[in-house]
N, C-alpha and C. Protein backbone atom coordinates (compact mmCIF):
# COMPACT_ATOMS: atom_id res chain seq x y z
N MET A 1 -55.56 85.00 20.92
CA MET A 1 -54.55 86.01 20.65
C MET A 1 -53.39 85.33 19.90
N THR A 2 -53.01 85.97 18.79
CA THR A 2 -51.90 85.42 18.01
C THR A 2 -50.58 85.96 18.55
N TYR A 3 -49.50 85.38 18.04
CA TYR A 3 -48.17 85.80 18.47
C TYR A 3 -47.89 87.24 18.06
N LEU A 4 -48.36 87.64 16.88
CA LEU A 4 -48.16 89.01 16.40
C LEU A 4 -48.91 90.00 17.29
N ASP A 5 -50.11 89.65 17.72
CA ASP A 5 -50.86 90.52 18.63
C ASP A 5 -50.15 90.64 19.98
N TYR A 6 -49.55 89.53 20.41
CA TYR A 6 -48.80 89.55 21.67
C TYR A 6 -47.61 90.51 21.59
N ILE A 7 -46.87 90.46 20.47
CA ILE A 7 -45.71 91.35 20.29
C ILE A 7 -46.16 92.81 20.24
N LYS A 8 -47.26 93.07 19.51
CA LYS A 8 -47.78 94.44 19.44
C LYS A 8 -48.17 94.94 20.83
N MET A 9 -48.80 94.09 21.60
CA MET A 9 -49.21 94.48 22.94
C MET A 9 -47.99 94.78 23.81
N LYS A 10 -46.97 93.94 23.73
CA LYS A 10 -45.76 94.15 24.53
C LYS A 10 -45.07 95.45 24.13
N LEU A 11 -45.00 95.73 22.82
CA LEU A 11 -44.35 96.96 22.37
C LEU A 11 -45.15 98.19 22.78
N LEU A 12 -46.46 98.11 22.73
CA LEU A 12 -47.28 99.26 23.09
C LEU A 12 -47.30 99.50 24.59
N THR A 13 -47.25 98.45 25.38
CA THR A 13 -47.31 98.65 26.83
C THR A 13 -45.97 99.08 27.39
N LYS A 14 -44.89 98.49 26.92
CA LYS A 14 -43.58 98.86 27.44
C LYS A 14 -43.00 100.07 26.72
N GLY A 15 -43.28 100.17 25.47
CA GLY A 15 -42.70 101.24 24.67
C GLY A 15 -41.38 100.77 24.07
N ALA A 16 -41.18 101.11 22.85
CA ALA A 16 -39.95 100.72 22.16
C ALA A 16 -38.80 101.59 22.65
N ALA A 17 -37.61 101.04 22.57
CA ALA A 17 -36.43 101.80 22.97
C ALA A 17 -36.20 102.94 21.99
N PRO A 18 -35.89 104.13 22.48
CA PRO A 18 -35.67 105.25 21.57
C PRO A 18 -34.38 105.05 20.76
N PHE A 19 -34.40 105.57 19.56
CA PHE A 19 -33.23 105.49 18.70
C PHE A 19 -32.20 106.52 19.15
N ARG A 20 -31.01 106.07 19.44
CA ARG A 20 -29.96 106.97 19.92
C ARG A 20 -28.84 107.04 18.90
N MET A 21 -28.39 108.25 18.67
CA MET A 21 -27.26 108.44 17.75
C MET A 21 -25.97 108.36 18.55
N ASN A 22 -25.21 107.29 18.35
CA ASN A 22 -23.91 107.21 18.99
C ASN A 22 -22.83 107.36 17.92
N LYS A 23 -21.59 107.23 18.33
CA LYS A 23 -20.47 107.46 17.41
C LYS A 23 -20.47 106.46 16.27
N ASN A 24 -20.77 105.20 16.55
CA ASN A 24 -20.77 104.19 15.49
C ASN A 24 -21.89 104.42 14.49
N THR A 25 -23.04 104.88 14.95
CA THR A 25 -24.15 105.16 14.04
C THR A 25 -23.82 106.33 13.13
N ILE A 26 -23.20 107.36 13.68
CA ILE A 26 -22.82 108.52 12.86
C ILE A 26 -21.77 108.12 11.84
N THR A 27 -20.80 107.29 12.23
CA THR A 27 -19.78 106.85 11.29
C THR A 27 -20.39 106.01 10.17
N LEU A 28 -21.28 105.11 10.53
CA LEU A 28 -21.93 104.27 9.53
C LEU A 28 -22.77 105.10 8.57
N LEU A 29 -23.53 106.05 9.09
CA LEU A 29 -24.33 106.92 8.22
C LEU A 29 -23.45 107.78 7.34
N SER A 30 -22.29 108.21 7.85
CA SER A 30 -21.36 109.00 7.05
C SER A 30 -20.78 108.18 5.90
N ILE A 31 -20.46 106.92 6.17
CA ILE A 31 -19.93 106.06 5.11
C ILE A 31 -20.99 105.82 4.03
N VAL A 32 -22.21 105.53 4.46
CA VAL A 32 -23.30 105.31 3.49
C VAL A 32 -23.56 106.57 2.68
N ALA A 33 -23.58 107.72 3.34
CA ALA A 33 -23.80 108.98 2.63
C ALA A 33 -22.65 109.29 1.67
N GLY A 34 -21.42 109.01 2.09
CA GLY A 34 -20.26 109.25 1.22
C GLY A 34 -20.27 108.37 -0.01
N VAL A 35 -20.59 107.10 0.15
CA VAL A 35 -20.64 106.19 -0.99
C VAL A 35 -21.77 106.57 -1.94
N ALA A 36 -22.93 106.90 -1.40
CA ALA A 36 -24.06 107.30 -2.25
C ALA A 36 -23.76 108.60 -2.98
N MET A 37 -23.11 109.54 -2.28
CA MET A 37 -22.77 110.81 -2.90
C MET A 37 -21.75 110.62 -4.03
N MET A 38 -20.71 109.80 -3.79
CA MET A 38 -19.70 109.59 -4.83
C MET A 38 -20.29 108.84 -6.02
N ASP A 39 -21.19 107.90 -5.76
CA ASP A 39 -21.84 107.20 -6.85
C ASP A 39 -22.68 108.16 -7.69
N PHE A 40 -23.39 109.05 -7.04
CA PHE A 40 -24.20 110.03 -7.77
C PHE A 40 -23.33 111.03 -8.52
N LEU A 41 -22.26 111.51 -7.87
CA LEU A 41 -21.46 112.58 -8.47
C LEU A 41 -20.67 112.12 -9.69
N PHE A 42 -20.17 110.91 -9.68
CA PHE A 42 -19.27 110.50 -10.76
C PHE A 42 -19.96 109.65 -11.82
N TRP A 43 -21.28 109.55 -11.81
CA TRP A 43 -21.99 108.82 -12.84
C TRP A 43 -22.70 109.80 -13.75
N ASN A 44 -22.20 109.96 -14.97
CA ASN A 44 -22.75 110.86 -16.00
C ASN A 44 -22.78 112.32 -15.56
N HIS A 45 -21.77 112.76 -14.85
CA HIS A 45 -21.62 114.17 -14.48
C HIS A 45 -20.20 114.61 -14.83
N PRO A 46 -20.01 115.91 -15.05
CA PRO A 46 -18.65 116.38 -15.34
C PRO A 46 -17.71 116.13 -14.15
N VAL A 47 -16.49 115.73 -14.45
CA VAL A 47 -15.56 115.32 -13.39
C VAL A 47 -15.13 116.49 -12.52
N GLY A 48 -14.89 117.64 -13.09
CA GLY A 48 -14.37 118.77 -12.33
C GLY A 48 -15.30 119.23 -11.23
N CYS A 49 -16.54 119.49 -11.59
CA CYS A 49 -17.52 119.94 -10.59
C CYS A 49 -17.78 118.84 -9.57
N SER A 50 -17.82 117.60 -10.02
CA SER A 50 -18.04 116.48 -9.10
C SER A 50 -16.90 116.36 -8.10
N LEU A 51 -15.68 116.57 -8.57
CA LEU A 51 -14.52 116.49 -7.67
C LEU A 51 -14.54 117.59 -6.63
N GLY A 52 -14.92 118.80 -7.05
CA GLY A 52 -15.02 119.91 -6.10
C GLY A 52 -16.08 119.68 -5.03
N VAL A 53 -17.25 119.18 -5.43
CA VAL A 53 -18.31 118.90 -4.47
C VAL A 53 -17.91 117.75 -3.56
N MET A 54 -17.23 116.73 -4.13
CA MET A 54 -16.80 115.60 -3.32
C MET A 54 -15.79 116.02 -2.25
N VAL A 55 -14.86 116.91 -2.60
CA VAL A 55 -13.88 117.38 -1.62
C VAL A 55 -14.57 118.13 -0.49
N ALA A 56 -15.51 119.00 -0.82
CA ALA A 56 -16.24 119.73 0.23
C ALA A 56 -17.04 118.77 1.11
N ALA A 57 -17.65 117.77 0.51
CA ALA A 57 -18.43 116.81 1.30
C ALA A 57 -17.52 115.94 2.16
N LEU A 58 -16.35 115.55 1.65
CA LEU A 58 -15.42 114.75 2.46
C LEU A 58 -14.90 115.55 3.66
N VAL A 59 -14.64 116.84 3.45
CA VAL A 59 -14.21 117.68 4.56
C VAL A 59 -15.32 117.75 5.60
N ALA A 60 -16.56 117.91 5.14
CA ALA A 60 -17.69 117.96 6.08
C ALA A 60 -17.86 116.63 6.82
N LEU A 61 -17.69 115.50 6.12
CA LEU A 61 -17.82 114.20 6.78
C LEU A 61 -16.71 113.97 7.80
N ILE A 62 -15.49 114.43 7.49
CA ILE A 62 -14.39 114.30 8.46
C ILE A 62 -14.67 115.15 9.69
N ILE A 63 -15.18 116.36 9.49
CA ILE A 63 -15.47 117.24 10.62
C ILE A 63 -16.64 116.68 11.46
N ILE A 64 -17.64 116.11 10.81
CA ILE A 64 -18.77 115.52 11.54
C ILE A 64 -18.32 114.36 12.40
N ASN A 65 -17.40 113.56 11.88
CA ASN A 65 -16.94 112.39 12.63
C ASN A 65 -15.88 112.71 13.67
N ARG A 66 -15.47 113.95 13.77
CA ARG A 66 -14.51 114.36 14.80
C ARG A 66 -15.13 115.46 15.65
N PRO A 67 -16.07 115.13 16.53
CA PRO A 67 -16.72 116.17 17.33
C PRO A 67 -15.78 116.82 18.34
N SER A 68 -14.71 116.14 18.71
CA SER A 68 -13.77 116.72 19.67
C SER A 68 -12.59 117.40 18.98
N LEU A 69 -12.78 117.75 17.72
CA LEU A 69 -11.72 118.41 16.96
C LEU A 69 -11.44 119.79 17.52
N LYS A 70 -10.19 120.04 17.83
CA LYS A 70 -9.80 121.37 18.29
C LYS A 70 -9.19 122.10 17.11
N TRP A 71 -9.83 123.19 16.75
CA TRP A 71 -9.38 123.93 15.58
C TRP A 71 -8.14 124.73 15.93
N GLY A 72 -7.03 124.35 15.36
CA GLY A 72 -5.80 125.09 15.49
C GLY A 72 -5.47 125.74 14.16
N ALA A 73 -4.36 126.42 14.12
CA ALA A 73 -3.95 127.09 12.88
C ALA A 73 -3.70 126.09 11.76
N ALA A 74 -3.09 124.95 12.10
CA ALA A 74 -2.78 123.95 11.07
C ALA A 74 -4.04 123.33 10.49
N SER A 75 -5.02 123.01 11.33
CA SER A 75 -6.23 122.39 10.80
C SER A 75 -7.07 123.37 9.99
N VAL A 76 -7.14 124.63 10.40
CA VAL A 76 -7.88 125.63 9.64
C VAL A 76 -7.20 125.89 8.30
N PHE A 77 -5.88 126.02 8.32
CA PHE A 77 -5.13 126.28 7.07
C PHE A 77 -5.25 125.09 6.12
N SER A 78 -5.16 123.87 6.66
CA SER A 78 -5.29 122.68 5.82
C SER A 78 -6.70 122.57 5.23
N CYS A 79 -7.71 122.88 6.03
CA CYS A 79 -9.09 122.86 5.55
C CYS A 79 -9.31 123.89 4.45
N LEU A 80 -8.79 125.09 4.63
CA LEU A 80 -8.93 126.13 3.60
C LEU A 80 -8.20 125.76 2.32
N LEU A 81 -7.00 125.19 2.44
CA LEU A 81 -6.27 124.75 1.25
C LEU A 81 -7.02 123.66 0.52
N LEU A 82 -7.58 122.73 1.26
CA LEU A 82 -8.31 121.63 0.66
C LEU A 82 -9.56 122.12 -0.06
N LEU A 83 -10.30 123.02 0.57
CA LEU A 83 -11.51 123.55 -0.07
C LEU A 83 -11.18 124.41 -1.29
N SER A 84 -10.09 125.18 -1.21
CA SER A 84 -9.71 125.99 -2.37
C SER A 84 -9.20 125.14 -3.52
N SER A 85 -8.51 124.04 -3.23
CA SER A 85 -8.09 123.16 -4.32
C SER A 85 -9.29 122.43 -4.91
N GLY A 86 -10.30 122.14 -4.10
CA GLY A 86 -11.54 121.57 -4.64
C GLY A 86 -12.24 122.56 -5.56
N LEU A 87 -12.25 123.83 -5.19
CA LEU A 87 -12.83 124.87 -6.05
C LEU A 87 -12.04 125.01 -7.33
N GLN A 88 -10.71 124.94 -7.23
CA GLN A 88 -9.86 125.04 -8.42
C GLN A 88 -10.12 123.87 -9.36
N SER A 89 -10.32 122.67 -8.81
CA SER A 89 -10.58 121.52 -9.67
C SER A 89 -11.97 121.60 -10.30
N ALA A 90 -12.90 122.30 -9.64
CA ALA A 90 -14.22 122.51 -10.25
C ALA A 90 -14.12 123.44 -11.45
N ILE A 91 -13.17 124.38 -11.39
CA ILE A 91 -12.97 125.29 -12.51
C ILE A 91 -12.30 124.58 -13.67
N LYS A 92 -11.17 123.93 -13.38
CA LYS A 92 -10.46 123.18 -14.41
C LYS A 92 -9.74 122.02 -13.74
N VAL A 93 -10.05 120.82 -14.17
CA VAL A 93 -9.47 119.63 -13.55
C VAL A 93 -8.31 119.11 -14.41
N ASN A 94 -7.25 118.70 -13.73
CA ASN A 94 -6.15 118.01 -14.38
C ASN A 94 -5.54 117.03 -13.39
N PHE A 95 -4.54 116.29 -13.83
CA PHE A 95 -3.95 115.25 -12.99
C PHE A 95 -3.27 115.85 -11.76
N PHE A 96 -2.63 117.00 -11.92
CA PHE A 96 -1.93 117.62 -10.80
C PHE A 96 -2.91 118.04 -9.70
N ASN A 97 -4.10 118.51 -10.08
CA ASN A 97 -5.13 118.85 -9.08
C ASN A 97 -5.51 117.64 -8.26
N CYS A 98 -5.64 116.49 -8.92
CA CYS A 98 -6.00 115.26 -8.20
C CYS A 98 -4.91 114.86 -7.21
N ILE A 99 -3.65 115.03 -7.58
CA ILE A 99 -2.54 114.71 -6.67
C ILE A 99 -2.54 115.67 -5.49
N VAL A 100 -2.72 116.96 -5.76
CA VAL A 100 -2.75 117.95 -4.68
C VAL A 100 -3.91 117.68 -3.73
N ILE A 101 -5.07 117.37 -4.26
CA ILE A 101 -6.23 117.07 -3.41
C ILE A 101 -5.98 115.83 -2.56
N SER A 102 -5.36 114.80 -3.15
CA SER A 102 -5.06 113.58 -2.40
C SER A 102 -4.11 113.86 -1.24
N VAL A 103 -3.04 114.62 -1.50
CA VAL A 103 -2.07 114.93 -0.45
C VAL A 103 -2.69 115.82 0.62
N LEU A 104 -3.47 116.81 0.23
CA LEU A 104 -4.11 117.69 1.21
C LEU A 104 -5.18 116.96 2.02
N LEU A 105 -5.89 116.03 1.39
CA LEU A 105 -6.87 115.24 2.13
C LEU A 105 -6.20 114.33 3.15
N LEU A 106 -5.06 113.75 2.76
CA LEU A 106 -4.29 112.95 3.71
C LEU A 106 -3.79 113.82 4.86
N ASN A 107 -3.31 115.01 4.54
CA ASN A 107 -2.82 115.93 5.56
C ASN A 107 -3.94 116.35 6.51
N PHE A 108 -5.11 116.70 5.98
CA PHE A 108 -6.23 117.11 6.82
C PHE A 108 -6.70 115.97 7.72
N THR A 109 -6.71 114.75 7.17
CA THR A 109 -7.09 113.59 7.97
C THR A 109 -6.09 113.36 9.10
N LEU A 110 -4.80 113.48 8.80
CA LEU A 110 -3.78 113.30 9.84
C LEU A 110 -3.90 114.36 10.92
N ILE A 111 -4.16 115.60 10.52
CA ILE A 111 -4.27 116.67 11.51
C ILE A 111 -5.49 116.46 12.40
N THR A 112 -6.62 116.06 11.80
CA THR A 112 -7.82 115.92 12.60
C THR A 112 -7.83 114.67 13.46
N PHE A 113 -7.21 113.59 13.00
CA PHE A 113 -7.26 112.35 13.76
C PHE A 113 -6.06 112.18 14.68
N TYR A 114 -4.88 112.62 14.24
CA TYR A 114 -3.67 112.37 15.03
C TYR A 114 -2.99 113.64 15.52
N ARG A 115 -3.51 114.79 15.17
CA ARG A 115 -2.97 116.10 15.57
C ARG A 115 -1.53 116.32 15.11
N LYS A 116 -1.12 115.63 14.04
CA LYS A 116 0.19 115.85 13.44
C LYS A 116 -0.02 116.07 11.96
N SER A 117 0.74 116.99 11.39
CA SER A 117 0.58 117.25 9.98
C SER A 117 1.50 116.34 9.18
N LEU A 118 1.23 116.28 7.89
CA LEU A 118 2.05 115.47 6.99
C LEU A 118 3.47 116.00 6.92
N LEU A 119 3.62 117.30 7.09
CA LEU A 119 4.95 117.89 7.03
C LEU A 119 5.81 117.43 8.20
N THR A 120 5.27 117.43 9.41
CA THR A 120 6.09 117.00 10.55
C THR A 120 6.38 115.51 10.50
N ILE A 121 5.40 114.71 10.07
CA ILE A 121 5.64 113.28 9.94
C ILE A 121 6.65 113.03 8.83
N GLY A 122 6.50 113.76 7.74
CA GLY A 122 7.43 113.59 6.62
C GLY A 122 8.84 113.99 6.97
N LEU A 123 9.00 115.08 7.70
CA LEU A 123 10.34 115.50 8.08
C LEU A 123 11.01 114.49 9.00
N LYS A 124 10.24 113.94 9.92
CA LYS A 124 10.83 113.00 10.88
C LYS A 124 11.06 111.63 10.29
N LYS A 125 10.11 111.12 9.51
CA LYS A 125 10.19 109.73 9.05
C LYS A 125 10.80 109.55 7.67
N ILE A 126 10.66 110.53 6.80
CA ILE A 126 11.10 110.35 5.42
C ILE A 126 12.40 111.09 5.14
N LEU A 127 12.48 112.33 5.55
CA LEU A 127 13.65 113.13 5.19
C LEU A 127 14.82 112.98 6.15
N LEU A 128 14.56 112.74 7.42
CA LEU A 128 15.63 112.69 8.40
C LEU A 128 16.58 111.51 8.22
N PRO A 129 16.12 110.27 8.02
CA PRO A 129 17.08 109.16 7.87
C PRO A 129 18.04 109.30 6.70
N PRO A 130 17.59 109.70 5.49
CA PRO A 130 18.59 109.88 4.42
C PRO A 130 19.59 110.99 4.73
N LEU A 131 19.13 112.06 5.39
CA LEU A 131 20.07 113.13 5.74
C LEU A 131 21.09 112.64 6.76
N LEU A 132 20.66 111.82 7.70
CA LEU A 132 21.61 111.25 8.67
C LEU A 132 22.61 110.34 7.98
N TRP A 133 22.14 109.52 7.04
CA TRP A 133 23.06 108.65 6.32
C TRP A 133 24.03 109.45 5.47
N LEU A 134 23.56 110.53 4.83
CA LEU A 134 24.46 111.36 4.04
C LEU A 134 25.50 112.04 4.93
N SER A 135 25.10 112.52 6.08
CA SER A 135 26.06 113.15 6.97
C SER A 135 27.06 112.12 7.49
N PHE A 136 26.61 110.90 7.74
CA PHE A 136 27.51 109.85 8.17
C PHE A 136 28.49 109.50 7.06
N LYS A 137 28.01 109.47 5.81
CA LYS A 137 28.86 109.15 4.66
C LYS A 137 29.95 110.21 4.49
N PHE A 138 29.59 111.49 4.62
CA PHE A 138 30.59 112.54 4.49
C PHE A 138 31.57 112.53 5.66
N ALA A 139 31.08 112.18 6.86
CA ALA A 139 31.96 112.11 8.02
C ALA A 139 32.98 110.98 7.87
N VAL A 140 32.55 109.84 7.28
CA VAL A 140 33.45 108.71 7.09
C VAL A 140 34.48 109.04 6.01
N LYS A 141 34.08 109.74 4.95
CA LYS A 141 35.00 110.10 3.87
C LYS A 141 36.07 111.06 4.38
N LYS A 142 35.68 112.00 5.25
CA LYS A 142 36.65 112.97 5.77
C LYS A 142 37.60 112.32 6.76
N GLY A 143 37.13 111.34 7.51
CA GLY A 143 37.94 110.70 8.55
C GLY A 143 38.82 109.67 7.99
């Protein structure tokens, strides 16, 4: 009996472990599918239609990787805005569409992963400190 026959016998008698889909496997398959899809879409294809399909596929990949996603008004509205901007870019693509898609994709990712929208984070972290400094500046000038 050779070593290969021994391994075959062991696998047949015990049985191989079943393949289980866990969170890491789904994430890895999503990354591989996303890279393959983007490589196919942007190689010798029109940019507008490719961008629209890519946005829809990215939304689907984000939703697949978040099985515990609770659909609220903000996540549904952000998803609809993102898909509609992808459709708009499929009709006619320009630089502004790409910026809007990037911001909406960031917003949808923040809502699904951290349950906070870009607007609330932006108001607290970006807009509030300059407004506080401006109010302090006017208070010092008056005093």
